Amino acid sequence: MSKSVILGSLAITATMIAFLAPATAQEKITLRVAYSQDFVPLTPELGKAYWASIIDQFQKANPNVTIEAIPVPGSYKDFENKMGLLYRSPDTAPDLAELSNQNIVQWIESGYLADLSEYAAKADWYKTIPDSVKAEYTLDGKTYGISHGENEMGLLYDKTLFKKAGIAMPWEPKTWKDVLDAARKIKSSSPDAWPLWLSTGTAQGASAASYGPNSLLLGSSDPTIYDASSQKWVVDSKGIREVIDAYRTASAEGLLAPASQLLNATAIATPPTEIPNHHIGITLAGNWFSLQWVKKVSAPYSPNAKDEVGYAPLPTVNGQAPGVGSALSGWGSSIYANSKNKDIAWKFIELQMTKDNLLMAAFNGWTPPTPEASNDKDWLATDPFQEGFQKILPLSVGIPLKAGYPVWAMGFITATEAVVLDPTVTVDDAVQKMSDYVANQLGPDQVMVKK
């Protein structure tokens, strides 16, 4: 063999060894990790404890890596604005960021996020995640994020108010009429209580759609938000009309919480504090509501909730399959497209996805995305309502990964808000408000009526 061949072979071998070998202690690496400090966790203390633990675990296992934590304070909007600033420059962009599926498409379409498909394909735990959860971070067949916590929507009901109203328990509503009928009985027997809490309201931003009307739409006769064949946003359909009519009926009959409570910017924080006080009969609730009552969270602590509150899935409008309407949302980790440390960042994600760390993350208000964690007996015993939410996870559906979604969502909650404020507004008029809003923002050629 010639010297040149030998040297060439040695060079190739050396290159392969350098590529395959783990970073040495001399190869100091800084991994920038950004996350929401205030908005995501149920309490700031739980959020700080989670990230401190994950970072400590990772640095102990990888002593050559220093984690530069970038906790972002403030609201969801503050977080989004900060991420926009960080991503503008490779010098400030985090290698890894915790992002919401509700707005991840803007980061994908801006070219900021790496395709993680090859990494995910090799992870056994990824294969166990429900397809609906994977879809939240998948665009055009490419995976841009890994969920470490999910939110679903279901019904929590007050057993004391139900007993007073003569409603049989366990309550198992099969249609929306069943829900409205129960609310009517509660109004009659407990006039000081709010019979029904259905979230909506433009003051809460586009996320309010997932807290309320989207779940109803997913249980309607036609749950289409974005028509893939025409590539247009649906602004008028049988399903949209059914949802608006449900809000209108509930408002007209005085079944809803006061508009001042339901429509304000922090309304989503109200039910977890009011339910333990027997102030709400039926609540369209996120899985994190009941987690706030466990001792570890105590926001507020409600030791009697397990005996005084019941759970039921939100049924479909007429009881049709799949029998459940639940909007899915979640938070996951994504890697910067131009990161020089993608392999290290993926190792961080793998650490997050271990059973123990998913269960630790769950106390920030999530259902763990892997069955290994979500079925854990100790976890389910901590909050008995989580079993019900965990069961509907595979049936829950996320939003379309399209840049126009926040506009569509604001149009939808503009329509539902209108009939809550004034139930004399007709369904036709509310639909027109939605259509005008979305068409004005996205263009009239981007919307459609679905017959």
Protein backbone atom coordinates (compact mmCIF):
# COMPACT_ATOMS: atom_id res chain seq x y z
CA MET A 1 0.00 0.00 0.00
CA SER A 2 1.40 3.43 -0.92
CA LYS A 3 2.27 5.99 1.67
CA SER A 4 -0.40 8.33 0.32
CA VAL A 5 -3.09 5.66 0.68
CA ILE A 6 -1.93 4.84 4.19
CA LEU A 7 -1.92 8.51 5.15
CA GLY A 8 -5.32 8.97 3.53
CA SER A 9 -6.74 6.01 5.43
CA LEU A 10 -5.31 7.30 8.67
CA ALA A 11 -6.81 10.71 8.01
CA ILE A 12 -10.25 9.22 7.34
CA THR A 13 -10.00 7.04 10.44
CA ALA A 14 -8.97 10.00 12.55
CA THR A 15 -11.86 12.04 11.21
CA MET A 16 -14.36 9.26 11.98
CA ILE A 17 -12.99 8.85 15.50
CA ALA A 18 -13.22 12.59 16.08
CA PHE A 19 -16.82 12.60 14.81
CA LEU A 20 -17.99 9.56 16.76
CA ALA A 21 -16.15 10.15 20.02
CA PRO A 22 -17.83 12.16 22.75
CA ALA A 23 -16.49 15.60 23.45
CA THR A 24 -13.48 15.49 25.75
CA ALA A 25 -13.10 17.41 28.94
CA GLN A 26 -10.88 19.86 27.04
CA GLU A 27 -13.61 20.65 24.51
CA LYS A 28 -15.59 23.15 26.51
CA ILE A 29 -19.07 23.71 25.14
CA THR A 30 -21.67 26.27 26.10
CA LEU A 31 -25.27 25.29 25.37
CA ARG A 32 -27.79 28.11 25.45
CA VAL A 33 -31.25 27.02 26.68
CA ALA A 34 -34.25 29.39 26.64
CA TYR A 35 -37.57 28.83 28.41
CA SER A 36 -40.53 30.67 29.89
CA GLN A 37 -39.87 31.60 33.50
CA ASP A 38 -43.35 32.79 34.48
CA PHE A 39 -46.04 31.91 31.94
CA VAL A 40 -45.62 28.14 31.60
CA PRO A 41 -45.19 26.79 35.15
CA LEU A 42 -48.15 26.66 37.52
CA THR A 43 -45.96 28.41 40.08
CA PRO A 44 -42.60 30.16 39.56
CA GLU A 45 -41.07 27.95 42.22
CA LEU A 46 -41.99 24.74 40.39
CA GLY A 47 -40.64 26.12 37.13
CA LYS A 48 -37.35 27.13 38.70
CA ALA A 49 -37.01 23.76 40.43
CA TYR A 50 -37.64 21.85 37.19
CA TRP A 51 -35.10 23.73 35.11
CA ALA A 52 -32.51 23.78 37.89
CA SER A 53 -32.80 20.00 38.23
CA ILE A 54 -32.60 19.30 34.48
CA ILE A 55 -29.60 21.60 34.05
CA ASP A 56 -27.83 20.11 37.07
CA GLN A 57 -28.43 16.54 35.84
CA PHE A 58 -27.13 17.39 32.39
CA GLN A 59 -24.00 19.18 33.54
CA LYS A 60 -23.09 16.36 35.91
CA ALA A 61 -23.45 13.83 33.07
CA ASN A 62 -21.60 16.12 30.65
CA PRO A 63 -18.95 17.97 32.68
CA ASN A 64 -17.51 19.63 29.58
CA VAL A 65 -20.83 21.36 28.87
CA THR A 66 -21.93 24.56 30.54
CA ILE A 67 -25.61 25.40 30.26
CA GLU A 68 -26.31 29.08 29.74
CA ALA A 69 -29.87 29.36 30.99
CA ILE A 70 -32.07 32.04 29.42
CA PRO A 71 -35.22 32.24 31.57
CA VAL A 72 -37.70 34.65 29.98
CA PRO A 73 -39.94 36.48 32.48
CA GLY A 74 -43.41 37.83 31.86
CA SER A 75 -46.44 36.83 29.85
CA TYR A 76 -46.76 34.60 26.80
CA LYS A 77 -46.51 37.69 24.59
CA ASP A 78 -43.37 38.78 26.44
CA PHE A 79 -41.89 35.34 25.81
CA GLU A 80 -42.74 35.40 22.10
CA ASN A 81 -41.27 38.89 21.70
CA LYS A 82 -38.06 37.90 23.48
CA MET A 83 -37.66 34.78 21.35
CA GLY A 84 -38.09 36.90 18.23
CA LEU A 85 -35.23 39.11 19.36
CA LEU A 86 -32.98 36.18 20.30
CA TYR A 87 -33.50 34.37 17.00
CA ARG A 88 -32.52 37.44 14.97
CA SER A 89 -28.82 36.71 15.43
CA PRO A 90 -26.82 33.46 15.62
CA ASP A 91 -24.87 35.13 18.43
CA THR A 92 -27.94 35.31 20.66
CA ALA A 93 -30.14 32.47 19.38
CA PRO A 94 -30.54 29.66 21.94
CA ASP A 95 -29.33 26.22 20.91
CA LEU A 96 -32.48 24.80 22.49
CA ALA A 97 -35.75 26.52 23.33
CA GLU A 98 -38.99 25.50 25.01
CA LEU A 99 -41.71 26.54 22.56
CA SER A 100 -45.49 26.35 22.40
CA ASN A 101 -47.09 24.39 19.59
CA GLN A 102 -49.59 27.25 19.29
CA ASN A 103 -47.11 29.49 17.52
CA ILE A 104 -44.23 27.24 16.53
CA VAL A 105 -45.03 27.56 12.83
CA GLN A 106 -43.71 31.14 12.78
CA TRP A 107 -40.29 29.92 13.92
CA ILE A 108 -40.36 27.03 11.45
CA GLU A 109 -41.28 29.19 8.48
CA SER A 110 -38.64 31.75 9.47
CA GLY A 111 -36.02 29.02 9.17
CA TYR A 112 -35.01 29.13 12.83
CA LEU A 113 -35.67 25.49 13.77
CA ALA A 114 -33.79 22.32 12.87
CA ASP A 115 -35.44 19.21 11.46
CA LEU A 116 -35.21 16.61 14.23
CA SER A 117 -36.67 13.73 12.22
CA GLU A 118 -33.47 11.65 12.12
CA TYR A 119 -32.93 12.03 15.85
CA ALA A 120 -36.56 11.19 16.66
CA ALA A 121 -36.56 8.12 14.41
CA LYS A 122 -33.84 6.54 16.55
CA ALA A 123 -35.56 7.20 19.88
CA ASP A 124 -37.65 4.31 21.21
CA TRP A 125 -39.69 6.63 23.44
CA TYR A 126 -40.69 8.75 20.45
CA LYS A 127 -42.46 5.78 18.88
CA THR A 128 -44.79 5.60 21.91
CA ILE A 129 -46.01 9.21 21.67
CA PRO A 130 -49.55 9.52 20.23
CA ASP A 131 -49.71 10.64 16.62
CA SER A 132 -51.83 13.64 17.60
CA VAL A 133 -48.99 14.89 19.81
CA LYS A 134 -46.33 14.29 17.16
CA ALA A 135 -48.46 16.22 14.67
CA GLU A 136 -48.22 19.36 16.81
CA TYR A 137 -44.58 19.74 15.85
CA THR A 138 -44.59 18.15 12.39
CA LEU A 139 -44.77 20.17 9.17
CA ASP A 140 -44.44 18.68 5.69
CA GLY A 141 -43.27 15.40 7.20
CA LYS A 142 -40.47 17.01 9.24
CA THR A 143 -40.28 17.08 13.02
CA TYR A 144 -39.37 20.45 14.53
CA GLY A 145 -39.98 19.86 18.21
CA ILE A 146 -40.44 17.23 20.90
CA SER A 147 -43.31 17.68 23.33
CA HIS A 148 -42.55 17.28 27.02
CA GLY A 149 -46.01 18.27 28.21
CA GLU A 150 -49.57 18.33 26.86
CA ASN A 151 -52.85 20.03 27.72
CA GLU A 152 -56.30 18.61 27.01
CA MET A 153 -59.76 19.97 27.77
CA GLY A 154 -62.59 18.21 29.60
CA LEU A 155 -65.48 18.93 31.98
CA LEU A 156 -65.15 19.33 35.74
CA TYR A 157 -68.41 19.44 37.67
CA ASP A 158 -69.32 20.35 41.23
CA LYS A 159 -70.86 17.36 43.00
CA THR A 160 -72.46 19.50 45.69
CA LEU A 161 -74.28 21.63 43.12
CA PHE A 162 -75.18 18.54 41.10
CA LYS A 163 -76.69 16.82 44.13
CA LYS A 164 -78.72 19.92 44.96
CA ALA A 165 -79.95 20.04 41.34
CA GLY A 166 -80.91 16.35 41.39
CA ILE A 167 -78.49 15.37 38.63
CA ALA A 168 -77.41 11.73 38.70
CA MET A 169 -73.73 10.99 39.27
CA PRO A 170 -71.32 9.92 37.96
CA TRP A 171 -72.35 12.34 35.26
CA GLU A 172 -71.82 11.06 31.73
CA PRO A 173 -73.15 13.62 29.21
CA LYS A 174 -73.47 12.27 25.68
CA THR A 175 -74.41 15.47 23.81
CA TRP A 176 -74.11 19.23 24.19
CA LYS A 177 -77.82 19.30 25.07
CA ASP A 178 -77.02 17.12 28.09
CA VAL A 179 -74.49 19.73 29.22
CA LEU A 180 -76.88 22.64 28.74
CA ASP A 181 -79.71 20.77 30.47
CA ALA A 182 -77.51 20.16 33.51
CA ALA A 183 -76.56 23.85 33.57
CA ARG A 184 -80.25 24.78 33.45
CA LYS A 185 -80.98 22.63 36.50
CA ILE A 186 -78.07 24.18 38.39
CA LYS A 187 -79.32 27.68 37.59
CA SER A 188 -82.71 26.75 39.00
CA SER A 189 -81.44 25.10 42.19
CA SER A 190 -78.41 27.32 42.91
CA PRO A 191 -79.12 30.82 41.55
CA ASP A 192 -75.99 32.28 43.15
CA ALA A 193 -73.67 29.88 41.32
CA TRP A 194 -72.38 30.19 37.77
CA PRO A 195 -73.92 27.19 36.01
CA LEU A 196 -71.42 26.95 33.14
CA TRP A 197 -67.93 28.21 32.35
CA LEU A 198 -67.04 28.25 28.65
CA SER A 199 -63.90 30.26 27.92
CA THR A 200 -63.67 32.79 25.12
CA GLY A 201 -62.68 36.45 24.79
CA THR A 202 -60.35 38.45 22.58
CA ALA A 203 -58.57 39.98 25.59
CA GLN A 204 -56.90 36.61 26.17
CA GLY A 205 -55.45 36.49 22.67
CA ALA A 206 -55.55 33.61 20.21
CA SER A 207 -54.87 31.05 22.95
CA ALA A 208 -58.44 31.57 24.20
CA ALA A 209 -59.68 29.55 21.23
CA SER A 210 -57.94 26.44 22.54
CA TYR A 211 -59.34 27.03 26.04
CA GLY A 212 -62.93 27.08 24.81
CA PRO A 213 -64.49 27.17 21.34
CA ASN A 214 -61.91 24.94 19.64
CA SER A 215 -62.88 22.00 21.85
CA LEU A 216 -66.52 22.52 20.96
CA LEU A 217 -65.62 22.78 17.28
CA LEU A 218 -63.73 19.49 17.48
CA GLY A 219 -66.93 17.93 18.80
CA SER A 220 -69.16 19.59 16.22
CA SER A 221 -70.62 18.21 13.00
CA ASP A 222 -67.70 19.68 11.03
CA PRO A 223 -64.45 20.39 12.91
CA THR A 224 -62.54 21.77 9.91
CA ILE A 225 -60.39 24.83 10.63
CA TYR A 226 -58.17 24.81 7.54
CA ASP A 227 -59.24 23.13 4.32
CA ALA A 228 -56.13 21.43 2.97
CA SER A 229 -57.52 20.82 -0.51
CA SER A 230 -58.32 24.47 -1.19
CA GLN A 231 -55.66 25.80 1.21
CA LYS A 232 -58.18 28.19 2.72
CA TRP A 233 -59.42 29.02 6.20
CA VAL A 234 -62.98 27.99 7.00
CA VAL A 235 -64.96 30.95 8.34
CA ASP A 236 -68.46 29.54 7.94
CA SER A 237 -69.52 25.92 8.37
CA LYS A 238 -72.11 23.82 10.15
CA GLY A 239 -69.59 23.20 12.93
CA ILE A 240 -68.73 26.87 13.44
CA ARG A 241 -72.43 27.72 13.54
CA GLU A 242 -73.11 24.98 16.11
CA VAL A 243 -70.40 26.38 18.38
CA ILE A 244 -71.59 29.98 18.10
CA ASP A 245 -75.16 28.86 18.74
CA ALA A 246 -74.09 26.96 21.87
CA TYR A 247 -72.44 30.09 23.30
CA ARG A 248 -75.43 32.20 22.25
CA THR A 249 -77.94 29.83 23.88
CA ALA A 250 -75.96 29.62 27.10
CA SER A 251 -75.65 33.41 27.25
CA ALA A 252 -79.30 34.06 26.41
CA GLU A 253 -80.47 31.73 29.18
CA GLY A 254 -78.12 33.18 31.78
CA LEU A 255 -76.15 29.96 32.12
CA LEU A 256 -72.67 31.44 31.71
CA ALA A 257 -70.42 33.14 34.21
CA PRO A 258 -70.68 36.95 34.03
CA ALA A 259 -69.09 38.41 30.89
CA SER A 260 -66.84 40.56 33.07
CA GLN A 261 -65.33 37.36 34.47
CA LEU A 262 -65.43 35.24 31.35
CA LEU A 263 -63.93 37.73 28.90
CA ASN A 264 -61.17 39.46 30.85
CA ALA A 265 -57.49 38.98 30.03
CA THR A 266 -56.78 36.67 33.00
CA ALA A 267 -60.05 34.73 32.89
CA ILE A 268 -58.36 31.35 32.45
CA ALA A 269 -56.94 31.69 35.98
CA THR A 270 -60.38 32.13 37.56
CA PRO A 271 -61.96 28.62 37.55
CA PRO A 272 -59.26 26.82 39.59
CA THR A 273 -59.88 29.24 42.46
CA GLU A 274 -63.68 29.37 42.12
CA ILE A 275 -64.45 25.65 41.65
CA PRO A 276 -63.35 24.66 45.20
CA ASN A 277 -65.69 27.36 46.54
CA HIS A 278 -68.68 25.67 44.85
CA HIS A 279 -69.12 28.71 42.64
CA ILE A 280 -69.16 26.99 39.22
CA GLY A 281 -71.41 24.09 38.29
CA ILE A 282 -69.73 22.87 35.09
CA THR A 283 -66.36 24.03 33.76
CA LEU A 284 -64.73 23.38 30.42
CA ALA A 285 -61.36 22.86 32.06
CA GLY A 286 -57.77 22.24 31.16
CA ASN A 287 -55.97 19.32 32.74
CA TRP A 288 -53.87 21.78 34.73
CA PHE A 289 -56.88 23.14 36.67
CA SER A 290 -57.05 20.20 39.06
CA LEU A 291 -53.26 19.99 39.36
CA GLN A 292 -53.36 23.37 41.03
CA TRP A 293 -55.25 21.81 43.94
CA VAL A 294 -52.64 19.22 44.91
CA LYS A 295 -50.41 20.00 47.86
CA LYS A 296 -47.20 20.20 45.82
CA VAL A 297 -48.68 23.05 43.77
CA SER A 298 -51.21 24.62 46.17
CA ALA A 299 -52.59 27.25 43.81
CA PRO A 300 -54.87 26.90 45.74
CA TYR A 301 -54.54 23.72 47.80
CA SER A 302 -57.88 21.92 47.85
CA PRO A 303 -57.64 18.55 49.62
CA ASN A 304 -61.39 17.94 49.32
CA ALA A 305 -61.54 18.41 45.55
CA LYS A 306 -61.14 14.70 44.84
CA ASP A 307 -64.41 14.08 46.68
CA GLU A 308 -66.29 17.24 45.74
CA VAL A 309 -65.50 17.51 42.02
CA GLY A 310 -66.18 15.07 39.18
CA TYR A 311 -64.75 14.68 35.68
CA ALA A 312 -66.41 13.91 32.34
CA PRO A 313 -65.15 14.26 28.76
CA LEU A 314 -66.73 17.03 26.71
CA PRO A 315 -69.15 15.15 24.45
CA THR A 316 -69.72 15.75 20.76
CA VAL A 317 -72.72 17.80 19.66
CA ASN A 318 -75.01 14.86 18.91
CA GLY A 319 -73.02 12.02 20.45
CA GLN A 320 -71.31 11.10 17.19
CA ALA A 321 -67.87 9.47 17.05
CA PRO A 322 -65.34 9.87 18.52
CA GLY A 323 -67.58 10.99 21.36
CA VAL A 324 -65.05 13.54 22.67
CA GLY A 325 -64.11 17.10 21.76
CA SER A 326 -60.78 18.23 23.17
CA ALA A 327 -58.36 20.85 21.91
CA LEU A 328 -54.75 19.78 22.30
CA SER A 329 -51.91 22.13 23.09
CA GLY A 330 -48.49 21.70 24.56
CA TRP A 331 -44.92 22.80 25.03
CA GLY A 332 -41.83 21.11 23.73
CA SER A 333 -38.16 21.55 22.96
CA SER A 334 -36.78 22.66 19.61
CA ILE A 335 -33.21 23.06 18.37
CA TYR A 336 -31.90 26.11 16.53
CA ALA A 337 -31.29 25.42 12.84
CA ASN A 338 -27.81 26.98 12.89
CA SER A 339 -26.70 25.57 16.22
CA LYS A 340 -23.20 24.11 16.20
CA ASN A 341 -24.18 21.82 19.05
CA LYS A 342 -27.22 19.96 17.73
CA ASP A 343 -26.04 16.57 19.03
CA ILE A 344 -25.50 17.98 22.51
CA ALA A 345 -28.87 19.73 22.39
CA TRP A 346 -30.53 16.45 21.43
CA LYS A 347 -28.91 14.79 24.44
CA PHE A 348 -30.58 17.47 26.55
CA ILE A 349 -33.96 16.60 25.00
CA GLU A 350 -33.37 12.90 25.68
CA LEU A 351 -32.76 13.75 29.33
CA GLN A 352 -36.01 15.72 29.44
CA MET A 353 -37.87 12.73 28.00
CA THR A 354 -36.92 10.26 30.73
CA LYS A 355 -39.87 9.09 32.80
CA ASP A 356 -38.81 10.81 36.01
CA ASN A 357 -38.16 14.12 34.30
CA LEU A 358 -41.44 14.03 32.38
CA LEU A 359 -43.25 13.46 35.67
CA MET A 360 -41.37 16.35 37.24
CA ALA A 361 -42.35 18.54 34.28
CA ALA A 362 -45.97 17.43 34.60
CA PHE A 363 -46.34 19.46 37.79
CA ASN A 364 -45.95 22.55 35.63
CA GLY A 365 -49.45 21.70 34.41
CA TRP A 366 -49.08 18.99 31.79
CA THR A 367 -50.02 15.47 30.84
CA PRO A 368 -46.80 13.57 30.04
CA PRO A 369 -46.71 12.67 26.33
CA THR A 370 -45.32 9.15 26.75
CA PRO A 371 -47.53 6.33 28.10
CA GLU A 372 -44.71 5.18 30.37
CA ALA A 373 -44.97 8.44 32.29
CA SER A 374 -48.67 9.28 31.89
CA ASN A 375 -49.72 5.83 33.14
CA ASP A 376 -47.51 5.96 36.22
CA LYS A 377 -49.61 4.86 39.19
CA ASP A 378 -48.05 7.28 41.66
CA TRP A 379 -48.62 10.18 39.27
CA LEU A 380 -52.27 9.28 38.72
CA ALA A 381 -52.77 8.88 42.47
CA THR A 382 -51.43 12.39 43.06
CA ASP A 383 -54.33 13.94 41.16
CA PRO A 384 -57.23 11.54 40.46
CA PHE A 385 -58.56 13.76 37.65
CA GLN A 386 -55.45 13.18 35.54
CA GLU A 387 -56.55 9.67 34.58
CA GLY A 388 -59.55 11.10 32.75
CA PHE A 389 -57.47 13.67 30.91
CA GLN A 390 -54.80 11.10 30.12
CA LYS A 391 -57.39 8.84 28.47
CA ILE A 392 -58.52 11.54 26.04
CA LEU A 393 -54.98 12.54 25.03
CA PRO A 394 -54.97 10.32 21.90
CA LEU A 395 -58.38 11.72 20.90
CA SER A 396 -57.42 15.35 21.38
CA VAL A 397 -56.47 17.39 18.32
CA GLY A 398 -54.04 20.28 17.91
CA ILE A 399 -54.20 23.33 15.69
CA PRO A 400 -53.16 23.48 12.02
CA LEU A 401 -49.47 24.36 11.64
CA LYS A 402 -50.18 27.35 9.44
CA ALA A 403 -49.05 30.95 9.89
CA GLY A 404 -52.61 32.26 9.55
CA TYR A 405 -53.96 30.30 12.51
CA PRO A 406 -53.73 33.10 15.14
CA VAL A 407 -55.81 35.32 12.83
CA TRP A 408 -58.42 32.59 12.33
CA ALA A 409 -58.50 31.97 16.10
CA MET A 410 -59.03 35.65 16.86
CA GLY A 411 -61.84 35.71 14.31
CA PHE A 412 -63.47 32.69 15.97
CA ILE A 413 -63.34 34.14 19.47
CA THR A 414 -64.52 37.50 18.13
CA ALA A 415 -67.68 35.70 16.99
CA THR A 416 -68.23 33.77 20.23
CA GLU A 417 -67.45 36.85 22.31
CA ALA A 418 -70.06 38.82 20.39
CA VAL A 419 -72.90 36.46 21.35
CA VAL A 420 -71.72 36.25 24.95
CA LEU A 421 -71.83 40.03 25.27
CA ASP A 422 -75.13 40.31 23.43
CA PRO A 423 -77.16 37.13 22.81
CA THR A 424 -79.49 39.09 20.53
CA VAL A 425 -76.66 38.98 17.98
CA THR A 426 -77.71 36.31 15.51
CA VAL A 427 -75.56 33.39 14.48
CA ASP A 428 -75.50 34.84 10.96
CA ASP A 429 -74.21 38.16 12.25
CA ALA A 430 -71.56 36.49 14.42
CA VAL A 431 -70.38 34.37 11.50
CA GLN A 432 -70.13 37.55 9.42
CA LYS A 433 -67.96 39.14 12.11
CA MET A 434 -65.63 36.15 11.96
CA SER A 435 -65.54 36.13 8.18
CA ASP A 436 -64.83 39.87 7.98
CA TYR A 437 -62.07 39.67 10.58
CA VAL A 438 -60.19 36.81 8.95
CA ALA A 439 -60.71 38.04 5.38
CA ASN A 440 -59.50 41.54 6.27
CA GLN A 441 -56.36 40.14 7.90
CA LEU A 442 -55.45 37.34 5.51
CA GLY A 443 -57.24 38.39 2.33
CA PRO A 444 -60.65 37.43 0.93
CA ASP A 445 -59.02 34.81 -1.30
CA GLN A 446 -57.78 32.97 1.81
CA VAL A 447 -61.17 32.15 3.35
CA MET A 448 -64.04 29.89 2.42
CA VAL A 449 -67.56 28.84 3.34
CA LYS A 450 -67.80 25.09 3.87
CA LYS A 451 -71.24 23.73 3.11
